[in-house]
Protein backbone atom coordinates (compact mmCIF):
# COMPACT_ATOMS: atom_id res chain seq x y z
CA UNK A 1 204.45 -71.31 -79.05
CA UNK A 2 205.06 -75.03 -78.65
CA UNK A 3 203.76 -77.31 -81.40
CA UNK A 4 201.74 -79.30 -78.84
CA UNK A 5 199.98 -76.13 -77.76
CA UNK A 6 199.03 -75.34 -81.35
CA UNK A 7 197.54 -78.80 -81.82
CA UNK A 8 195.70 -78.54 -78.52
CA UNK A 9 194.14 -75.21 -79.45
CA UNK A 10 193.15 -76.53 -82.88
CA UNK A 11 191.51 -79.55 -81.23
CA UNK A 12 189.55 -77.33 -78.85
CA UNK A 13 188.25 -75.13 -81.68
CA UNK A 14 187.27 -78.20 -83.71
CA UNK A 15 185.52 -79.67 -80.66
CA UNK A 16 183.57 -76.46 -80.10
CA UNK A 17 182.34 -76.57 -83.69
CA UNK A 18 181.48 -80.26 -83.77
CA UNK A 19 179.72 -80.24 -80.38
CA UNK A 20 177.36 -77.53 -81.60
CA UNK A 21 176.49 -79.53 -84.71
CA UNK A 22 176.05 -83.02 -83.31
CA UNK A 23 174.87 -82.60 -79.70
CA UNK A 24 171.20 -83.20 -78.91
CA UNK A 25 168.62 -81.52 -76.74
CA UNK A 26 166.95 -83.68 -74.10
CA UNK A 27 163.18 -83.50 -73.72
CA UNK A 28 162.68 -83.27 -69.93
CA UNK A 29 158.94 -82.63 -69.96
CA UNK A 30 156.54 -83.91 -72.61
CA UNK A 31 153.74 -81.61 -73.72
CA UNK A 32 150.18 -82.42 -74.76
CA UNK A 33 150.83 -81.55 -78.40
CA UNK A 34 148.66 -78.42 -78.54
CA UNK A 35 148.58 -74.90 -77.17
CA UNK A 36 146.35 -75.81 -74.20
CA UNK A 37 149.44 -76.88 -72.23
CA UNK A 38 152.03 -74.77 -74.02
CA UNK A 39 154.76 -72.60 -72.53
CA UNK A 40 153.65 -69.01 -72.10
CA UNK A 41 154.65 -67.67 -68.70
CA UNK A 42 158.31 -68.59 -68.81
CA UNK A 43 160.66 -69.86 -66.13
CA UNK A 44 161.80 -68.72 -62.73
CA UNK A 45 163.91 -70.35 -60.03
CA UNK A 46 165.02 -70.29 -56.43
CA UNK A 47 167.45 -72.29 -54.30
CA UNK A 48 165.22 -75.38 -54.39
CA UNK A 49 163.24 -75.53 -57.63
CA UNK A 50 163.13 -74.63 -61.28
CA UNK A 51 159.59 -73.45 -62.09
CA UNK A 52 157.79 -73.38 -65.44
CA UNK A 53 154.65 -71.41 -66.20
CA UNK A 54 152.46 -73.22 -68.72
CA UNK A 55 148.98 -72.61 -70.12
CA UNK A 56 147.72 -75.46 -67.91
CA UNK A 57 149.45 -74.30 -64.73
CA UNK A 58 152.69 -74.15 -62.77
CA UNK A 59 155.19 -77.02 -62.76
CA UNK A 60 158.31 -77.35 -60.64
CA UNK A 61 161.43 -79.48 -60.75
CA UNK A 62 163.84 -80.11 -57.85
CA UNK A 63 166.45 -81.88 -59.99
CA UNK A 64 167.45 -79.66 -62.91
CA UNK A 65 164.43 -80.66 -64.98
CA UNK A 66 164.63 -84.44 -64.62
CA UNK A 67 161.21 -84.66 -62.91
CA UNK A 68 158.27 -82.25 -62.84
CA UNK A 69 155.17 -81.99 -60.65
CA UNK A 70 152.21 -79.62 -60.78
CA UNK A 71 152.03 -76.88 -58.11
CA UNK A 72 148.63 -75.22 -58.58
CA UNK A 73 146.75 -75.23 -55.27
CA UNK A 74 144.89 -71.91 -55.07
CA UNK A 75 145.25 -71.04 -58.75
CA UNK A 76 141.95 -70.63 -60.63
CA UNK A 77 140.48 -73.55 -62.53
CA UNK A 78 138.86 -73.46 -65.94
CA UNK A 79 139.43 -71.38 -69.05
CA UNK A 80 139.97 -67.66 -69.06
CA UNK A 81 137.65 -65.34 -70.95
CA UNK A 82 139.43 -66.12 -74.23
CA UNK A 83 138.41 -69.76 -73.78
CA UNK A 84 141.63 -71.38 -75.02
CA UNK A 85 143.74 -71.60 -71.88
CA UNK A 86 143.21 -73.43 -68.60
CA UNK A 87 145.09 -71.52 -65.90
CA UNK A 88 146.86 -69.38 -68.47
CA UNK A 89 150.17 -68.60 -66.73
CA UNK A 90 151.47 -65.60 -68.67
CA UNK A 91 154.17 -64.24 -66.35
CA UNK A 92 156.53 -65.52 -63.68
CA UNK A 93 158.89 -63.91 -61.17
CA UNK A 94 160.62 -64.73 -57.89
CA UNK A 95 162.15 -62.70 -55.09
CA UNK A 96 163.42 -63.96 -51.77
CA UNK A 97 160.88 -66.44 -50.39
CA UNK A 98 158.18 -65.21 -52.78
CA UNK A 99 156.96 -66.59 -56.09
CA UNK A 100 154.62 -64.62 -58.34
CA UNK A 101 152.57 -65.68 -61.36
CA UNK A 102 150.41 -63.66 -63.69
CA UNK A 103 147.30 -65.36 -65.09
CA UNK A 104 145.68 -64.06 -68.27
CA UNK A 105 142.53 -62.10 -67.32
CA UNK A 106 142.87 -63.23 -63.67
CA UNK A 107 145.65 -61.05 -62.24
CA UNK A 108 148.58 -61.90 -59.98
CA UNK A 109 149.00 -64.74 -57.46
CA UNK A 110 151.69 -65.18 -54.80
CA UNK A 111 153.21 -68.22 -53.08
CA UNK A 112 155.49 -68.22 -50.05
CA UNK A 113 155.92 -72.02 -49.90
CA UNK A 114 157.52 -72.92 -53.23
CA UNK A 115 154.21 -73.19 -55.02
CA UNK A 116 152.42 -75.47 -52.57
CA UNK A 117 149.74 -72.80 -52.17
CA UNK A 118 148.83 -69.64 -54.06
CA UNK A 119 146.81 -66.56 -53.03
CA UNK A 120 145.46 -63.72 -55.13
CA UNK A 121 147.06 -60.24 -54.76
CA UNK A 122 144.96 -58.01 -57.03
CA UNK A 123 143.91 -55.07 -54.83
CA UNK A 124 144.41 -51.92 -56.90
CA UNK A 125 145.44 -53.83 -60.02
CA UNK A 126 143.39 -52.01 -62.62
CA UNK A 127 143.89 -54.56 -65.38
CA UNK A 128 144.02 -58.31 -64.81
CA UNK A 129 145.62 -59.24 -68.14
CA UNK A 130 149.20 -59.56 -66.91
CA UNK A 131 152.02 -60.08 -69.41
CA UNK A 132 155.11 -59.45 -67.29
CA UNK A 133 156.23 -59.46 -63.66
CA UNK A 134 159.53 -58.16 -62.33
CA UNK A 135 161.11 -57.95 -58.88
CA UNK A 136 163.35 -54.94 -58.27
CA UNK A 137 163.61 -54.67 -54.53
CA UNK A 138 161.75 -53.32 -52.68
CA UNK A 139 159.12 -53.38 -55.44
CA UNK A 140 157.17 -55.83 -57.55
CA UNK A 141 156.20 -54.53 -61.01
CA UNK A 142 153.38 -55.76 -63.22
CA UNK A 143 153.05 -55.15 -66.98
CA UNK A 144 149.45 -55.38 -68.13
CA UNK A 145 147.29 -54.82 -71.18
CA UNK A 146 146.46 -51.36 -69.86
CA UNK A 147 149.43 -49.99 -67.98
CA UNK A 148 152.17 -50.68 -65.44
CA UNK A 149 151.50 -51.23 -61.75
CA UNK A 150 153.83 -51.30 -58.75
CA UNK A 151 153.50 -52.94 -55.34
CA UNK A 152 155.63 -52.17 -52.31
CA UNK A 153 153.84 -54.48 -49.88
CA UNK A 154 153.23 -57.49 -52.18
CA UNK A 155 149.51 -57.07 -51.58
CA UNK A 156 148.25 -53.80 -53.08
CA UNK A 157 149.03 -52.06 -56.38
CA UNK A 158 149.28 -48.52 -57.70
CA UNK A 159 149.45 -47.41 -61.37
CA UNK A 160 152.75 -45.85 -62.52
CA UNK A 161 152.24 -44.66 -66.09
CA UNK A 162 153.54 -41.08 -66.09
CA UNK A 163 155.31 -40.55 -69.42
CA UNK A 164 154.11 -43.71 -71.15
CA UNK A 165 152.55 -43.17 -74.57
CA UNK A 166 151.45 -46.81 -74.76
CA UNK A 167 149.81 -48.69 -71.91
CA UNK A 168 150.12 -52.19 -73.45
CA UNK A 169 153.24 -53.43 -71.64
CA UNK A 170 155.07 -56.74 -72.04
CA UNK A 171 158.30 -57.27 -70.07
CA UNK A 172 160.89 -55.55 -67.88
CA UNK A 173 164.65 -55.45 -67.42
CA UNK A 174 167.04 -53.43 -65.27
CA UNK A 175 170.62 -52.23 -65.51
CA UNK A 176 171.69 -50.96 -62.12
CA UNK A 177 168.93 -48.68 -60.86
CA UNK A 178 167.50 -48.02 -64.35
CA UNK A 179 164.33 -49.92 -65.23
CA UNK A 180 163.20 -50.71 -68.79
CA UNK A 181 159.84 -51.84 -70.13
CA UNK A 182 158.80 -53.03 -73.60
CA UNK A 183 155.45 -51.81 -74.88
CA UNK A 184 153.27 -52.49 -77.92
CA UNK A 185 152.80 -49.24 -79.79
CA UNK A 186 155.24 -47.07 -77.90
CA UNK A 187 158.46 -49.07 -78.00
CA UNK A 188 160.92 -49.14 -75.10
CA UNK A 189 160.65 -46.83 -72.09
CA UNK A 190 163.03 -46.39 -69.17
CA UNK A 191 162.78 -45.04 -65.64
CA UNK A 192 165.41 -43.86 -63.19
CA UNK A 193 162.99 -43.49 -60.27
CA UNK A 194 161.45 -46.97 -59.98
CA UNK A 195 158.63 -46.16 -62.38
CA UNK A 196 157.47 -42.80 -61.03
CA UNK A 197 158.28 -41.30 -64.43
CA UNK A 198 159.06 -42.88 -67.82
CA UNK A 199 160.87 -41.57 -70.89
CA UNK A 200 161.04 -43.13 -74.32
CA UNK A 201 164.28 -44.97 -75.18
CA UNK A 202 163.43 -46.28 -78.62
CA UNK A 203 165.86 -44.77 -81.13
CA UNK A 204 166.72 -47.44 -83.72
CA UNK A 205 164.06 -50.02 -82.78
CA UNK A 206 161.87 -50.64 -85.82
CA UNK A 207 159.45 -53.30 -84.57
CA UNK A 208 157.43 -54.29 -81.50
CA UNK A 209 159.80 -54.87 -78.54
CA UNK A 210 158.89 -57.85 -76.41
CA UNK A 211 161.60 -58.91 -73.94
CA UNK A 212 165.15 -58.14 -72.83
CA UNK A 213 168.47 -59.69 -71.83
CA UNK A 214 171.55 -58.13 -70.23
CA UNK A 215 175.00 -59.41 -71.16
CA UNK A 216 178.09 -57.66 -69.85
CA UNK A 217 177.55 -53.96 -70.69
CA UNK A 218 175.02 -54.60 -73.47
CA UNK A 219 171.24 -54.50 -73.28
CA UNK A 220 169.47 -56.68 -75.86
CA UNK A 221 165.85 -56.26 -76.89
CA UNK A 222 163.96 -58.99 -78.74
CA UNK A 223 161.12 -57.97 -81.01
CA UNK A 224 158.08 -59.60 -82.58
CA UNK A 225 159.12 -59.51 -86.21
CA UNK A 226 162.25 -57.35 -86.29
CA UNK A 227 164.73 -59.69 -84.64
CA UNK A 228 167.18 -58.50 -81.98
CA UNK A 229 168.34 -54.97 -81.20
CA UNK A 230 171.35 -54.03 -79.06
CA UNK A 231 172.19 -50.97 -77.00
CA UNK A 232 175.54 -50.29 -75.35
CA UNK A 233 174.55 -46.88 -73.99
CA UNK A 234 171.72 -47.85 -71.64
CA UNK A 235 168.97 -47.44 -74.23
CA UNK A 236 169.97 -44.14 -75.84
CA UNK A 237 170.53 -45.85 -79.18
CA UNK A 238 169.70 -49.29 -80.59
CA UNK A 239 171.11 -51.21 -83.55
CA UNK A 240 169.73 -54.37 -85.23
CA UNK A 241 171.98 -57.41 -84.75
CA UNK A 242 170.43 -60.20 -86.80
CA UNK A 243 173.25 -61.72 -88.87
CA UNK A 244 172.62 -65.48 -88.94
CA UNK A 245 169.08 -65.38 -87.54
CA UNK A 246 166.65 -67.21 -89.83
CA UNK A 247 163.63 -66.16 -87.75
CA UNK A 248 163.05 -62.58 -86.63
CA UNK A 249 160.10 -63.39 -84.37
CA UNK A 250 161.76 -63.64 -80.94
CA UNK A 251 159.80 -64.93 -77.96
CA UNK A 252 162.46 -65.42 -75.29
CA UNK A 253 166.01 -64.45 -74.31
CA UNK A 254 168.60 -65.60 -71.78
CA UNK A 255 172.17 -64.42 -71.27
CA UNK A 256 175.49 -64.83 -69.54
CA UNK A 257 178.35 -62.38 -69.86
CA UNK A 258 179.81 -64.66 -72.55
CA UNK A 259 176.70 -65.47 -74.57
CA UNK A 260 173.12 -64.59 -75.43
CA UNK A 261 170.46 -67.13 -76.44
CA UNK A 262 167.14 -66.43 -78.16
CA UNK A 263 164.10 -68.62 -78.71
CA UNK A 264 162.29 -67.97 -81.98
CA UNK A 265 158.87 -68.53 -83.49
CA UNK A 266 159.95 -70.82 -86.30
CA UNK A 267 163.73 -71.25 -86.24
CA UNK A 268 164.56 -72.86 -82.89
CA UNK A 269 167.25 -71.55 -80.52
CA UNK A 270 170.13 -69.31 -81.59
CA UNK A 271 173.35 -68.33 -79.81
CA UNK A 272 175.73 -65.40 -80.08
CA UNK A 273 179.10 -65.17 -78.37
CA UNK A 274 180.16 -61.89 -80.01
CA UNK A 275 177.53 -59.49 -78.66
CA UNK A 276 175.06 -60.20 -81.46
CA UNK A 277 177.40 -59.64 -84.40
CA UNK A 278 176.63 -63.19 -85.56
CA UNK A 279 174.18 -65.90 -84.52
CA UNK A 280 174.42 -69.68 -84.72
CA UNK A 281 171.50 -72.09 -84.60
CA UNK A 282 171.88 -74.57 -81.72
CA UNK A 283 168.82 -76.72 -82.35
CA UNK A 284 165.08 -77.22 -81.83
CA UNK A 285 164.46 -76.00 -85.39
CA UNK A 286 161.10 -77.80 -85.55
CA UNK A 287 159.72 -76.18 -82.39
CA UNK A 288 158.21 -72.82 -81.63
CA UNK A 289 160.37 -71.88 -78.65
CA UNK A 290 158.42 -69.56 -76.37
CA UNK A 291 160.75 -69.12 -73.39
CA UNK A 292 164.32 -69.97 -72.41
CA UNK A 293 166.32 -69.72 -69.20
CA UNK A 294 169.69 -70.65 -67.74
CA UNK A 295 169.86 -72.60 -64.49
CA UNK A 296 173.20 -73.82 -63.24
CA UNK A 297 175.08 -75.30 -66.17
CA UNK A 298 172.02 -75.96 -68.35
CA UNK A 299 169.88 -74.08 -70.84
CA UNK A 300 166.14 -74.80 -70.74
CA UNK A 301 163.69 -74.12 -73.57
CA UNK A 302 159.90 -74.18 -73.33
CA UNK A 303 157.92 -74.94 -76.48
CA UNK A 304 154.53 -73.63 -77.57
CA UNK A 305 152.94 -77.08 -77.34
CA UNK A 306 154.06 -77.95 -73.85
CA UNK A 307 157.42 -79.71 -74.06
CA UNK A 308 160.47 -78.52 -72.11
CA UNK A 309 163.96 -79.25 -73.42
CA UNK A 310 167.35 -79.07 -71.72
CA UNK A 311 170.90 -78.82 -73.07
CA UNK A 312 174.20 -78.33 -71.18
CA UNK A 313 175.79 -74.94 -71.70
CA UNK A 314 179.17 -76.61 -72.16
CA UNK A 315 177.96 -78.13 -75.43
CA UNK A 316 177.49 -74.62 -76.78
CA UNK A 317 179.84 -72.39 -74.75
CA UNK A 318 182.15 -74.92 -73.03
CA UNK A 319 183.69 -72.92 -70.21
CA UNK A 320 186.11 -75.69 -69.27
CA UNK A 321 187.63 -75.76 -72.75
CA UNK A 322 187.81 -71.99 -72.89
CA UNK A 323 189.57 -72.03 -69.53
CA UNK A 324 192.05 -74.65 -70.78
CA UNK A 325 192.81 -72.45 -73.77
CA UNK A 326 193.29 -69.42 -71.52
CA UNK A 327 195.63 -71.30 -69.21
CA UNK A 328 197.67 -72.59 -72.14
CA UNK A 329 198.43 -69.07 -73.31
CA UNK A 330 198.46 -67.19 -70.00
CA UNK A 331 201.49 -66.31 -67.96
CA UNK A 332 199.82 -63.79 -65.66
CA UNK A 333 197.05 -63.58 -63.10
CA UNK A 334 193.55 -63.65 -64.56
CA UNK A 335 190.11 -63.06 -63.10
CA UNK A 336 187.34 -64.17 -65.45
CA UNK A 337 183.89 -62.60 -65.59
CA UNK A 338 181.45 -64.62 -63.52
CA UNK A 339 178.82 -66.80 -65.19
CA UNK A 340 175.93 -66.71 -65.35
CA UNK A 341 175.57 -62.97 -64.95
CA UNK A 342 172.99 -61.75 -64.01
CA UNK A 343 172.40 -64.72 -61.70
CA UNK A 344 170.02 -66.18 -59.13
CA UNK A 345 170.98 -67.68 -56.77
CA UNK A 346 174.50 -68.93 -57.64
CA UNK A 347 177.30 -67.82 -59.91
CA UNK A 348 180.76 -69.17 -60.77
CA UNK A 349 183.97 -67.11 -60.57
CA UNK A 350 187.18 -68.40 -62.14
CA UNK A 351 190.74 -67.17 -61.68
CA UNK A 352 194.19 -68.25 -62.79
CA UNK A 353 197.51 -68.10 -60.94
CA UNK A 354 200.78 -68.48 -62.85
CA UNK A 355 202.61 -69.52 -59.67
CA UNK A 356 202.02 -70.49 -56.04
CA UNK A 357 200.32 -67.46 -54.51
CA UNK A 358 198.36 -66.28 -51.51
CA UNK A 359 194.95 -65.35 -52.92
CA UNK A 360 192.11 -63.27 -51.56
CA UNK A 361 188.73 -63.29 -53.31
CA UNK A 362 186.07 -61.20 -51.57
CA UNK A 363 182.59 -59.91 -52.42
CA UNK A 364 181.64 -56.28 -51.65
CA UNK A 365 178.48 -54.24 -52.14
CA UNK A 366 178.53 -50.89 -53.93
CA UNK A 367 178.99 -49.06 -50.62
CA UNK A 368 182.27 -50.89 -50.08
CA UNK A 369 180.97 -53.16 -47.33
CA UNK A 370 182.34 -56.69 -47.38
CA UNK A 371 179.62 -59.26 -47.97
CA UNK A 372 181.66 -62.46 -47.80
CA UNK A 373 185.06 -64.03 -48.42
CA UNK A 374 185.31 -66.83 -50.97
CA UNK A 375 189.08 -67.43 -50.89
CA UNK A 376 191.72 -66.52 -48.30
CA UNK A 377 194.54 -69.03 -48.67
CA UNK A 378 197.56 -70.24 -50.61
CA UNK A 379 196.62 -71.41 -54.10
CA UNK A 380 198.59 -73.66 -56.42
CA UNK A 381 199.51 -72.55 -59.95
CA UNK A 382 196.74 -73.06 -62.50
CA UNK A 383 193.03 -72.58 -62.88
CA UNK A 384 190.65 -72.25 -59.90
CA UNK A 385 186.85 -72.12 -59.65
CA UNK A 386 184.70 -70.71 -56.84
CA UNK A 387 180.91 -70.53 -56.52
CA UNK A 388 179.07 -67.76 -54.69
CA UNK A 389 175.56 -68.80 -53.66
CA UNK A 390 174.53 -65.19 -52.83
CA UNK A 391 174.99 -65.84 -49.09
CA UNK A 392 176.71 -63.28 -46.86
CA UNK A 393 179.05 -63.91 -43.93
CA UNK A 394 176.12 -64.30 -41.52
CA UNK A 395 174.52 -67.01 -43.62
CA UNK A 396 171.74 -64.75 -44.92
CA UNK A 397 170.82 -64.36 -48.57
CA UNK A 398 172.12 -61.10 -50.02
CA UNK A 399 169.54 -58.76 -51.58
CA UNK A 400 169.32 -58.22 -55.31
CA UNK A 401 171.78 -55.68 -56.65
CA UNK A 402 175.24 -55.14 -58.09
CA UNK A 403 178.26 -56.51 -56.23
CA UNK A 404 182.02 -56.36 -56.72
CA UNK A 405 184.24 -59.43 -56.64
CA UNK A 406 187.75 -58.32 -55.69
CA UNK A 407 190.72 -60.60 -56.43
CA UNK A 408 194.16 -60.00 -54.91
CA UNK A 409 197.33 -62.05 -55.31
CA UNK A 410 200.83 -60.70 -54.68
CA UNK A 411 200.89 -57.16 -56.07
CA UNK A 412 197.98 -57.84 -58.44
CA UNK A 413 194.42 -56.65 -57.80
CA UNK A 414 191.48 -57.20 -60.16
CA UNK A 415 187.72 -56.80 -59.83
CA UNK A 416 184.51 -57.65 -61.70
CA UNK A 417 180.86 -56.64 -61.32
CA UNK A 418 178.25 -59.26 -60.42
CA UNK A 419 174.51 -58.69 -60.81
CA UNK A 420 172.26 -60.64 -58.43
CA UNK A 421 168.59 -60.73 -59.45
CA UNK A 422 165.62 -62.07 -57.50
């Protein structure tokens, strides 16, 4: 290896370390300083806005968090029955042109115009204390204080609790067609038939599971007091992965295929880039971080007392520097895993060519049908980046699901899996 390359790699590694230590979070929304406006319901997003669900209502930003406006027309006014929240947004989800919020003690509301107007959709919803919402087409799922409900028409609900030993449900996740739910008192359950039946998938989890994240082939479960647990066999077995975490009360998780972030009750935000084997604090140590999400190239964190913070991913997992390092050492064709993954609505795919080559990069569904073509041309040697905005060849948005990105150059063919969520 050339001496210059050695110095360059050393500089990159030093830069990665120093950027984590010295970089700052930016406060992009100021809170009221108490829990009345705090983050509870989390984030969701679509092609136009980033949305935040707070105790005092829904806020949206069209510019990556730089400006925020309230979007609450049709949402109930006044405190809920507990008397300490205003609108009490406790859950958030999006799918296609639909937005959904759960309000504590008030059920589920839907918007089809980016939050300009909201309407109640509670017919058949047997419990109005909603903790989690999840879109897994063609269904919308609701986790409540007394069971799980499913809607196929986005208007009426039916209970789906067969096999559950605990009805107090928090949050959902999915890997392929398998659906997971975290419950208080029963642990983690999973379903292979969209919730018709549930079976316990809790071996190794020692505390109350709260939320999930999917990174590459790993499923992570955050708990309220026991830290983070990891499963690499779709929930059959779980192992604690807490090395470096100074707080084991985990409120929120977000992931790419390269990294997982957690927001904690009293330790700030932590990052792992080795599948949970070790965690590094990346700031906000004085804040109770309730929810986090990744949008574009930024990580957002919502605090318990209303502030929202933003930090570029490249300060913590700088993809450009990693790509430089890869190119320095690579003499073959490479197709990198897309990021973020899962994603909504856009994801980045990177590939490397060691020489001038004719390159094809196409997206297929799991039935082998071509969805779109991203690259079909001669490419110069070096690193290349393409973005898929989940649009097919007809200009329509592709449905949620797993897709295959297929790369071909010369005699080389490579593929990766992409997970589009809504």
